[in-house]
């Protein structure tokens, strides 16, 4: 299962609503600028960015990154979520 990181330059509640709608039980929002998703199907980073409005129309600024591996220190809930979809 592939995990993607979504990093916004500025908080955008509309983008997070879209995350909750598109991937209702497959997302983990860490802060108002960082979230992770684990779509059931293979999806391109460009498609995720477009879904969130990272385009000329909505002008949401940020980046979508496919996560190859992870390490660090964070809330236990994040690690539980990541193990569930890794």
PDB file of N, CA and C in Angstrom:
ATOM      1  N   UNK A   1       0.852  -1.181   0.000  1.00  0.00           N
ATOM      2  CA  UNK A   1       0.000   0.000   0.000  1.00  0.00           C
ATOM      3  C   UNK A   1       0.893   1.238   0.000  1.00  0.00           C
ATOM      4  N   UNK A   2       0.562   2.202  -0.827  1.00  0.00           N
ATOM      5  CA  UNK A   2       1.357   3.421  -0.931  1.00  0.00           C
ATOM      6  C   UNK A   2       0.791   4.510  -0.024  1.00  0.00           C
ATOM      7  N   UNK A   3       1.688   5.189   0.673  1.00  0.00           N
ATOM      8  CA  UNK A   3       1.325   6.324   1.518  1.00  0.00           C
ATOM      9  C   UNK A   3       1.881   7.586   0.861  1.00  0.00           C
ATOM     10  N   UNK A   4       1.078   8.639   0.887  1.00  0.00           N
ATOM     11  CA  UNK A   4       1.477   9.931   0.339  1.00  0.00           C
ATOM     12  C   UNK A   4       1.431  10.979   1.443  1.00  0.00           C
ATOM     13  N   UNK A   5       2.397  11.882   1.427  1.00  0.00           N
ATOM     14  CA  UNK A   5       2.398  13.033   2.329  1.00  0.00           C
ATOM     15  C   UNK A   5       1.879  14.234   1.552  1.00  0.00           C
ATOM     16  N   UNK A   6       1.025  14.999   2.190  1.00  0.00           N
ATOM     17  CA  UNK A   6       0.504  16.233   1.616  1.00  0.00           C
ATOM     18  C   UNK A   6       0.998  17.371   2.508  1.00  0.00           C
ATOM     19  N   UNK A   7       1.775  18.266   1.921  1.00  0.00           N
ATOM     20  CA  UNK A   7       2.353  19.385   2.671  1.00  0.00           C
ATOM     21  C   UNK A   7       1.853  20.681   2.031  1.00  0.00           C
ATOM     22  N   UNK A   8       1.102  21.458   2.786  1.00  0.00           N
ATOM     23  CA  UNK A   8       0.583  22.735   2.286  1.00  0.00           C
ATOM     24  C   UNK A   8       1.463  23.888   2.753  1.00  0.00           C
ATOM     25  N   UNK A   9       1.646  24.877   1.904  1.00  0.00           N
ATOM     26  CA  UNK A   9       2.397  26.077   2.303  1.00  0.00           C
ATOM     27  C   UNK A   9       1.620  26.892   3.326  1.00  0.00           C
ATOM     28  N   UNK A  10       0.316  26.951   3.153  1.00  0.00           N
ATOM     29  CA  UNK A  10      -0.580  27.675   4.055  1.00  0.00           C
ATOM     30  C   UNK A  10      -1.756  26.768   4.397  1.00  0.00           C
ATOM     31  N   UNK A  11      -2.324  26.887   5.595  1.00  0.00           N
ATOM     32  CA  UNK A  11      -3.502  26.080   5.932  1.00  0.00           C
ATOM     33  C   UNK A  11      -4.623  26.323   4.917  1.00  0.00           C
ATOM     34  N   UNK A  12      -5.343  25.262   4.567  1.00  0.00           N
ATOM     35  CA  UNK A  12      -6.452  25.376   3.613  1.00  0.00           C
ATOM     36  C   UNK A  12      -7.523  24.363   3.986  1.00  0.00           C
ATOM     37  N   UNK A  13      -8.552  24.813   4.695  1.00  0.00           N
ATOM     38  CA  UNK A  13      -9.595  23.909   5.174  1.00  0.00           C
ATOM     39  C   UNK A  13     -10.346  23.232   4.034  1.00  0.00           C
ATOM     40  N   UNK A  14     -10.478  23.910   2.906  1.00  0.00           N
ATOM     41  CA  UNK A  14     -11.146  23.295   1.754  1.00  0.00           C
ATOM     42  C   UNK A  14     -10.365  22.079   1.270  1.00  0.00           C
ATOM     43  N   UNK A  15      -9.053  22.173   1.241  1.00  0.00           N
ATOM     44  CA  UNK A  15      -8.222  21.026   0.839  1.00  0.00           C
ATOM     45  C   UNK A  15      -8.401  19.881   1.820  1.00  0.00           C
ATOM     46  N   UNK A  16      -8.428  20.167   3.117  1.00  0.00           N
ATOM     47  CA  UNK A  16      -8.595  19.101   4.109  1.00  0.00           C
ATOM     48  C   UNK A  16      -9.992  18.502   4.050  1.00  0.00           C
ATOM     49  N   UNK A  17     -11.003  19.294   3.746  1.00  0.00           N
ATOM     50  CA  UNK A  17     -12.352  18.732   3.550  1.00  0.00           C
ATOM     51  C   UNK A  17     -12.348  17.755   2.383  1.00  0.00           C
ATOM     52  N   UNK A  18     -11.612  18.114   1.334  1.00  0.00           N
ATOM     53  CA  UNK A  18     -11.508  17.237   0.168  1.00  0.00           C
ATOM     54  C   UNK A  18     -10.801  15.933   0.544  1.00  0.00           C
ATOM     55  N   UNK A  19      -9.760  16.020   1.355  1.00  0.00           N
ATOM     56  CA  UNK A  19      -9.062  14.816   1.834  1.00  0.00           C
ATOM     57  C   UNK A  19     -10.047  13.927   2.593  1.00  0.00           C
ATOM     58  N   UNK A  20     -10.793  14.512   3.509  1.00  0.00           N
ATOM     59  CA  UNK A  20     -11.762  13.734   4.305  1.00  0.00           C
ATOM     60  C   UNK A  20     -12.835  13.104   3.421  1.00  0.00           C
ATOM     61  N   UNK A  21     -13.219  13.799   2.378  1.00  0.00           N
ATOM     62  CA  UNK A  21     -14.256  13.299   1.470  1.00  0.00           C
ATOM     63  C   UNK A  21     -13.737  12.195   0.544  1.00  0.00           C
ATOM     64  N   UNK A  22     -12.572  12.392  -0.049  1.00  0.00           N
ATOM     65  CA  UNK A  22     -12.011  11.430  -1.013  1.00  0.00           C
ATOM     66  C   UNK A  22     -11.483  10.165  -0.349  1.00  0.00           C
ATOM     67  N   UNK A  23     -10.875  10.312   0.819  1.00  0.00           N
ATOM     68  CA  UNK A  23     -10.249   9.186   1.510  1.00  0.00           C
ATOM     69  C   UNK A  23     -10.731   9.164   2.957  1.00  0.00           C
ATOM     70  N   UNK A  24     -12.026   8.924   3.176  1.00  0.00           N
ATOM     71  CA  UNK A  24     -12.635   9.099   4.502  1.00  0.00           C
ATOM     72  C   UNK A  24     -12.001   8.278   5.631  1.00  0.00           C
ATOM     73  N   UNK A  25     -11.600   7.059   5.362  1.00  0.00           N
ATOM     74  CA  UNK A  25     -11.014   6.231   6.414  1.00  0.00           C
ATOM     75  C   UNK A  25      -9.553   5.888   6.121  1.00  0.00           C
ATOM     76  N   UNK A  26      -8.940   6.680   5.236  1.00  0.00           N
ATOM     77  CA  UNK A  26      -7.572   6.387   4.801  1.00  0.00           C
ATOM     78  C   UNK A  26      -6.694   7.631   4.838  1.00  0.00           C
ATOM     79  N   UNK A  27      -6.980   8.540   5.768  1.00  0.00           N
ATOM     80  CA  UNK A  27      -6.169   9.748   5.912  1.00  0.00           C
ATOM     81  C   UNK A  27      -5.791   9.960   7.371  1.00  0.00           C
ATOM     82  N   UNK A  28      -4.732  10.732   7.570  1.00  0.00           N
ATOM     83  CA  UNK A  28      -4.311  11.128   8.908  1.00  0.00           C
ATOM     84  C   UNK A  28      -3.810  12.563   8.802  1.00  0.00           C
ATOM     85  N   UNK A  29      -4.568  13.489   9.360  1.00  0.00           N
ATOM     86  CA  UNK A  29      -4.178  14.902   9.331  1.00  0.00           C
ATOM     87  C   UNK A  29      -3.371  15.189  10.591  1.00  0.00           C
ATOM     88  N   UNK A  30      -2.122  15.559  10.412  1.00  0.00           N
ATOM     89  CA  UNK A  30      -1.196  15.775  11.521  1.00  0.00           C
ATOM     90  C   UNK A  30      -1.293  17.208  12.035  1.00  0.00           C
ATOM     91  N   UNK A  31      -1.239  18.176  11.114  1.00  0.00           N
ATOM     92  CA  UNK A  31      -1.343  19.596  11.465  1.00  0.00           C
ATOM     93  C   UNK A  31      -2.191  20.277  10.401  1.00  0.00           C
ATOM     94  N   UNK A  32      -2.358  21.597  10.506  1.00  0.00           N
ATOM     95  CA  UNK A  32      -3.132  22.310   9.490  1.00  0.00           C
ATOM     96  C   UNK A  32      -2.366  22.462   8.177  1.00  0.00           C
ATOM     97  N   UNK A  33      -1.131  21.923   8.127  1.00  0.00           N
ATOM     98  CA  UNK A  33      -0.334  21.974   6.897  1.00  0.00           C
ATOM     99  C   UNK A  33       0.213  20.624   6.456  1.00  0.00           C
ATOM    100  N   UNK A  34      -0.040  19.561   7.233  1.00  0.00           N
ATOM    101  CA  UNK A  34       0.525  18.252   6.910  1.00  0.00           C
ATOM    102  C   UNK A  34      -0.495  17.145   7.119  1.00  0.00           C
ATOM    103  N   UNK A  35      -0.618  16.279   6.116  1.00  0.00           N
ATOM    104  CA  UNK A  35      -1.486  15.105   6.226  1.00  0.00           C
ATOM    105  C   UNK A  35      -0.883  13.961   5.425  1.00  0.00           C
ATOM    106  N   UNK A  36      -1.350  12.762   5.732  1.00  0.00           N
ATOM    107  CA  UNK A  36      -0.964  11.568   4.995  1.00  0.00           C
ATOM    108  C   UNK A  36      -2.226  10.880   4.503  1.00  0.00           C
ATOM    109  N   UNK A  37      -2.148  10.276   3.332  1.00  0.00           N
ATOM    110  CA  UNK A  37      -3.251   9.477   2.811  1.00  0.00           C
ATOM    111  C   UNK A  37      -2.693   8.143   2.315  1.00  0.00           C
ATOM    112  N   UNK A  38      -3.573   7.142   2.287  1.00  0.00           N
ATOM    113  CA  UNK A  38      -3.211   5.819   1.778  1.00  0.00           C
ATOM    114  C   UNK A  38      -4.362   5.324   0.897  1.00  0.00           C
ATOM    115  N   UNK A  39      -4.442   5.808  -0.343  1.00  0.00           N
ATOM    116  CA  UNK A  39      -5.532   5.402  -1.231  1.00  0.00           C
ATOM    117  C   UNK A  39      -5.526   3.894  -1.474  1.00  0.00           C
ATOM    118  N   UNK A  40      -6.705   3.324  -1.686  1.00  0.00           N
ATOM    119  CA  UNK A  40      -6.818   1.890  -1.975  1.00  0.00           C
ATOM    120  C   UNK A  40      -6.189   1.547  -3.313  1.00  0.00           C
ATOM    121  N   UNK A  41      -6.320   2.440  -4.273  1.00  0.00           N
ATOM    122  CA  UNK A  41      -5.822   2.191  -5.625  1.00  0.00           C
ATOM    123  C   UNK A  41      -4.541   2.988  -5.879  1.00  0.00           C
ATOM    124  N   UNK A  42      -3.797   2.564  -6.883  1.00  0.00           N
ATOM    125  CA  UNK A  42      -2.610   3.313  -7.290  1.00  0.00           C
ATOM    126  C   UNK A  42      -3.076   4.643  -7.874  1.00  0.00           C
ATOM    127  N   UNK A  43      -2.436   5.711  -7.464  1.00  0.00           N
ATOM    128  CA  UNK A  43      -2.834   7.049  -7.913  1.00  0.00           C
ATOM    129  C   UNK A  43      -1.562   7.887  -8.083  1.00  0.00           C
ATOM    130  N   UNK A  44      -1.593   8.783  -9.021  1.00  0.00           N
ATOM    131  CA  UNK A  44      -0.444   9.651  -9.267  1.00  0.00           C
ATOM    132  C   UNK A  44      -0.449  10.835  -8.297  1.00  0.00           C
ATOM    133  N   UNK A  45       0.733  11.304  -7.929  1.00  0.00           N
ATOM    134  CA  UNK A  45       0.820  12.484  -7.076  1.00  0.00           C
ATOM    135  C   UNK A  45       0.129  13.677  -7.744  1.00  0.00           C
ATOM    136  N   UNK A  46       0.235  13.757  -9.060  1.00  0.00           N
ATOM    137  CA  UNK A  46      -0.407  14.852  -9.799  1.00  0.00           C
ATOM    138  C   UNK A  46      -1.927  14.821  -9.631  1.00  0.00           C
ATOM    139  N   UNK A  47      -2.505  13.619  -9.600  1.00  0.00           N
ATOM    140  CA  UNK A  47      -3.957  13.494  -9.431  1.00  0.00           C
ATOM    141  C   UNK A  47      -4.391  13.931  -8.031  1.00  0.00           C
ATOM    142  N   UNK A  48      -3.587  13.574  -7.035  1.00  0.00           N
ATOM    143  CA  UNK A  48      -3.893  14.005  -5.664  1.00  0.00           C
ATOM    144  C   UNK A  48      -3.812  15.527  -5.571  1.00  0.00           C
ATOM    145  N   UNK A  49      -2.753  16.098  -6.129  1.00  0.00           N
ATOM    146  CA  UNK A  49      -2.582  17.560  -6.109  1.00  0.00           C
ATOM    147  C   UNK A  49      -3.764  18.254  -6.781  1.00  0.00           C
ATOM    148  N   UNK A  50      -4.191  17.726  -7.909  1.00  0.00           N
ATOM    149  CA  UNK A  50      -5.327  18.316  -8.620  1.00  0.00           C
ATOM    150  C   UNK A  50      -6.612  18.221  -7.785  1.00  0.00           C
ATOM    151  N   UNK A  51      -6.825  17.084  -7.142  1.00  0.00           N
ATOM    152  CA  UNK A  51      -8.003  16.895  -6.291  1.00  0.00           C
ATOM    153  C   UNK A  51      -8.042  17.931  -5.172  1.00  0.00           C
ATOM    154  N   UNK A  52      -6.875  18.301  -4.663  1.00  0.00           N
ATOM    155  CA  UNK A  52      -6.798  19.244  -3.553  1.00  0.00           C
ATOM    156  C   UNK A  52      -6.794  20.703  -3.992  1.00  0.00           C
ATOM    157  N   UNK A  53      -6.761  20.945  -5.285  1.00  0.00           N
ATOM    158  CA  UNK A  53      -6.796  22.320  -5.776  1.00  0.00           C
ATOM    159  C   UNK A  53      -5.440  22.946  -5.962  1.00  0.00           C
ATOM    160  N   UNK A  54      -4.408  22.119  -6.080  1.00  0.00           N
ATOM    161  CA  UNK A  54      -3.069  22.650  -6.343  1.00  0.00           C
ATOM    162  C   UNK A  54      -2.953  22.893  -7.843  1.00  0.00           C
ATOM    163  N   UNK A  55      -3.590  23.981  -8.271  1.00  0.00           N
ATOM    164  CA  UNK A  55      -3.645  24.317  -9.694  1.00  0.00           C
ATOM    165  C   UNK A  55      -3.866  25.816  -9.860  1.00  0.00           C
ATOM    166  N   UNK A  56      -3.946  26.265 -11.104  1.00  0.00           N
ATOM    167  CA  UNK A  56      -4.143  27.693 -11.388  1.00  0.00           C
ATOM    168  C   UNK A  56      -5.509  28.195 -10.944  1.00  0.00           C
ATOM    169  N   UNK A  57      -6.482  27.311 -10.877  1.00  0.00           N
ATOM    170  CA  UNK A  57      -7.850  27.719 -10.542  1.00  0.00           C
ATOM    171  C   UNK A  57      -8.009  28.026  -9.053  1.00  0.00           C
ATOM    172  N   UNK A  58      -7.639  27.091  -8.178  1.00  0.00           N
ATOM    173  CA  UNK A  58      -7.809  27.276  -6.727  1.00  0.00           C
ATOM    174  C   UNK A  58      -6.576  27.861  -6.069  1.00  0.00           C
ATOM    175  N   UNK A  59      -5.419  27.661  -6.679  1.00  0.00           N
ATOM    176  CA  UNK A  59      -4.164  28.223  -6.155  1.00  0.00           C
ATOM    177  C   UNK A  59      -3.771  27.730  -4.767  1.00  0.00           C
ATOM    178  N   UNK A  60      -4.105  26.485  -4.427  1.00  0.00           N
ATOM    179  CA  UNK A  60      -3.599  25.898  -3.194  1.00  0.00           C
ATOM    180  C   UNK A  60      -2.119  25.604  -3.434  1.00  0.00           C
ATOM    181  N   UNK A  61      -1.254  26.091  -2.567  1.00  0.00           N
ATOM    182  CA  UNK A  61       0.183  25.858  -2.758  1.00  0.00           C
ATOM    183  C   UNK A  61       0.663  24.788  -1.781  1.00  0.00           C
ATOM    184  N   UNK A  62       1.436  23.881  -2.306  1.00  0.00           N
ATOM    185  CA  UNK A  62       1.958  22.800  -1.494  1.00  0.00           C
ATOM    186  C   UNK A  62       2.560  21.738  -2.390  1.00  0.00           C
ATOM    187  N   UNK A  63       2.796  20.567  -1.800  1.00  0.00           N
ATOM    188  CA  UNK A  63       3.414  19.477  -2.541  1.00  0.00           C
ATOM    189  C   UNK A  63       2.840  18.150  -2.049  1.00  0.00           C
ATOM    190  N   UNK A  64       2.755  17.185  -2.961  1.00  0.00           N
ATOM    191  CA  UNK A  64       2.357  15.821  -2.636  1.00  0.00           C
ATOM    192  C   UNK A  64       3.571  14.931  -2.878  1.00  0.00           C
ATOM    193  N   UNK A  65       3.913  14.116  -1.892  1.00  0.00           N
ATOM    194  CA  UNK A  65       5.106  13.285  -1.965  1.00  0.00           C
ATOM    195  C   UNK A  65       4.736  11.833  -1.698  1.00  0.00           C
ATOM    196  N   UNK A  66       5.185  10.934  -2.563  1.00  0.00           N
ATOM    197  CA  UNK A  66       5.014   9.504  -2.305  1.00  0.00           C
ATOM    198  C   UNK A  66       6.061   9.105  -1.263  1.00  0.00           C
ATOM    199  N   UNK A  67       5.620   8.492  -0.182  1.00  0.00           N
ATOM    200  CA  UNK A  67       6.512   8.141   0.917  1.00  0.00           C
ATOM    201  C   UNK A  67       7.141   6.777   0.654  1.00  0.00           C
ATOM    202  N   UNK A  68       8.463   6.744   0.527  1.00  0.00           N
ATOM    203  CA  UNK A  68       9.187   5.495   0.276  1.00  0.00           C
ATOM    204  C   UNK A  68       9.511   4.784   1.596  1.00  0.00           C
ATOM    205  N   UNK A  69       9.829   5.544   2.626  1.00  0.00           N
ATOM    206  CA  UNK A  69      10.078   4.992   3.954  1.00  0.00           C
ATOM    207  C   UNK A  69       9.848   6.114   4.957  1.00  0.00           C
ATOM    208  N   UNK A  70       9.818   5.756   6.217  1.00  0.00           N
ATOM    209  CA  UNK A  70       9.604   6.789   7.226  1.00  0.00           C
ATOM    210  C   UNK A  70      10.307   6.411   8.524  1.00  0.00           C
ATOM    211  N   UNK A  71      10.630   7.436   9.293  1.00  0.00           N
ATOM    212  CA  UNK A  71      11.266   7.273  10.592  1.00  0.00           C
ATOM    213  C   UNK A  71      11.094   8.583  11.339  1.00  0.00           C
ATOM    214  N   UNK A  72      11.200   8.558  12.626  1.00  0.00           N
ATOM    215  CA  UNK A  72      11.115   9.790  13.398  1.00  0.00           C
ATOM    216  C   UNK A  72      10.410   9.594  14.712  1.00  0.00           C
ATOM    217  N   UNK A  73       9.958  10.688  15.288  1.00  0.00           N
ATOM    218  CA  UNK A  73       9.267  10.699  16.573  1.00  0.00           C
ATOM    219  C   UNK A  73       8.018  11.540  16.414  1.00  0.00           C
ATOM    220  N   UNK A  74       6.858  10.963  16.707  1.00  0.00           N
ATOM    221  CA  UNK A  74       5.598  11.686  16.561  1.00  0.00           C
ATOM    222  C   UNK A  74       4.553  11.022  17.440  1.00  0.00           C
ATOM    223  N   UNK A  75       3.326  11.479  17.314  1.00  0.00           N
ATOM    224  CA  UNK A  75       2.212  10.943  18.090  1.00  0.00           C
ATOM    225  C   UNK A  75       2.040   9.446  17.805  1.00  0.00           C
ATOM    226  N   UNK A  76       1.744   8.644  18.820  1.00  0.00           N
ATOM    227  CA  UNK A  76       1.543   7.204  18.601  1.00  0.00           C
ATOM    228  C   UNK A  76       0.477   6.909  17.547  1.00  0.00           C
ATOM    229  N   UNK A  77      -0.552   7.733  17.468  1.00  0.00           N
ATOM    230  CA  UNK A  77      -1.615   7.516  16.484  1.00  0.00           C
ATOM    231  C   UNK A  77      -1.113   7.537  15.052  1.00  0.00           C
ATOM    232  N   UNK A  78      -0.132   8.371  14.774  1.00  0.00           N
ATOM    233  CA  UNK A  78       0.432   8.431  13.426  1.00  0.00           C
ATOM    234  C   UNK A  78       1.137   7.129  13.086  1.00  0.00           C
ATOM    235  N   UNK A  79       1.921   6.595  14.018  1.00  0.00           N
ATOM    236  CA  UNK A  79       2.648   5.347  13.768  1.00  0.00           C
ATOM    237  C   UNK A  79       1.665   4.186  13.597  1.00  0.00           C
ATOM    238  N   UNK A  80       0.624   4.155  14.406  1.00  0.00           N
ATOM    239  CA  UNK A  80      -0.393   3.098  14.277  1.00  0.00           C
ATOM    240  C   UNK A  80      -1.056   3.179  12.902  1.00  0.00           C
ATOM    241  N   UNK A  81      -1.410   4.383  12.497  1.00  0.00           N
ATOM    242  CA  UNK A  81      -2.034   4.586  11.186  1.00  0.00           C
ATOM    243  C   UNK A  81      -1.075   4.133  10.072  1.00  0.00           C
ATOM    244  N   UNK A  82       0.175   4.546  10.139  1.00  0.00           N
ATOM    245  CA  UNK A  82       1.152   4.198   9.094  1.00  0.00           C
ATOM    246  C   UNK A  82       1.364   2.689   9.012  1.00  0.00           C
ATOM    247  N   UNK A  83       1.463   2.014  10.149  1.00  0.00           N
ATOM    248  CA  UNK A  83       1.636   0.554  10.135  1.00  0.00           C
ATOM    249  C   UNK A  83       0.425  -0.138   9.527  1.00  0.00           C
ATOM    250  N   UNK A  84      -0.753   0.413   9.752  1.00  0.00           N
ATOM    251  CA  UNK A  84      -1.989  -0.154   9.218  1.00  0.00           C
ATOM    252  C   UNK A  84      -1.970  -0.185   7.680  1.00  0.00           C
ATOM    253  N   UNK A  85      -1.336   0.824   7.061  1.00  0.00           N
ATOM    254  CA  UNK A  85      -1.363   0.942   5.612  1.00  0.00           C
ATOM    255  C   UNK A  85      -0.012   0.665   4.932  1.00  0.00           C
ATOM    256  N   UNK A  86       0.989   0.265   5.703  1.00  0.00           N
ATOM    257  CA  UNK A  86       2.311  -0.034   5.121  1.00  0.00           C
ATOM    258  C   UNK A  86       2.383  -1.468   4.655  1.00  0.00           C
TER     259      UNK A  86
END
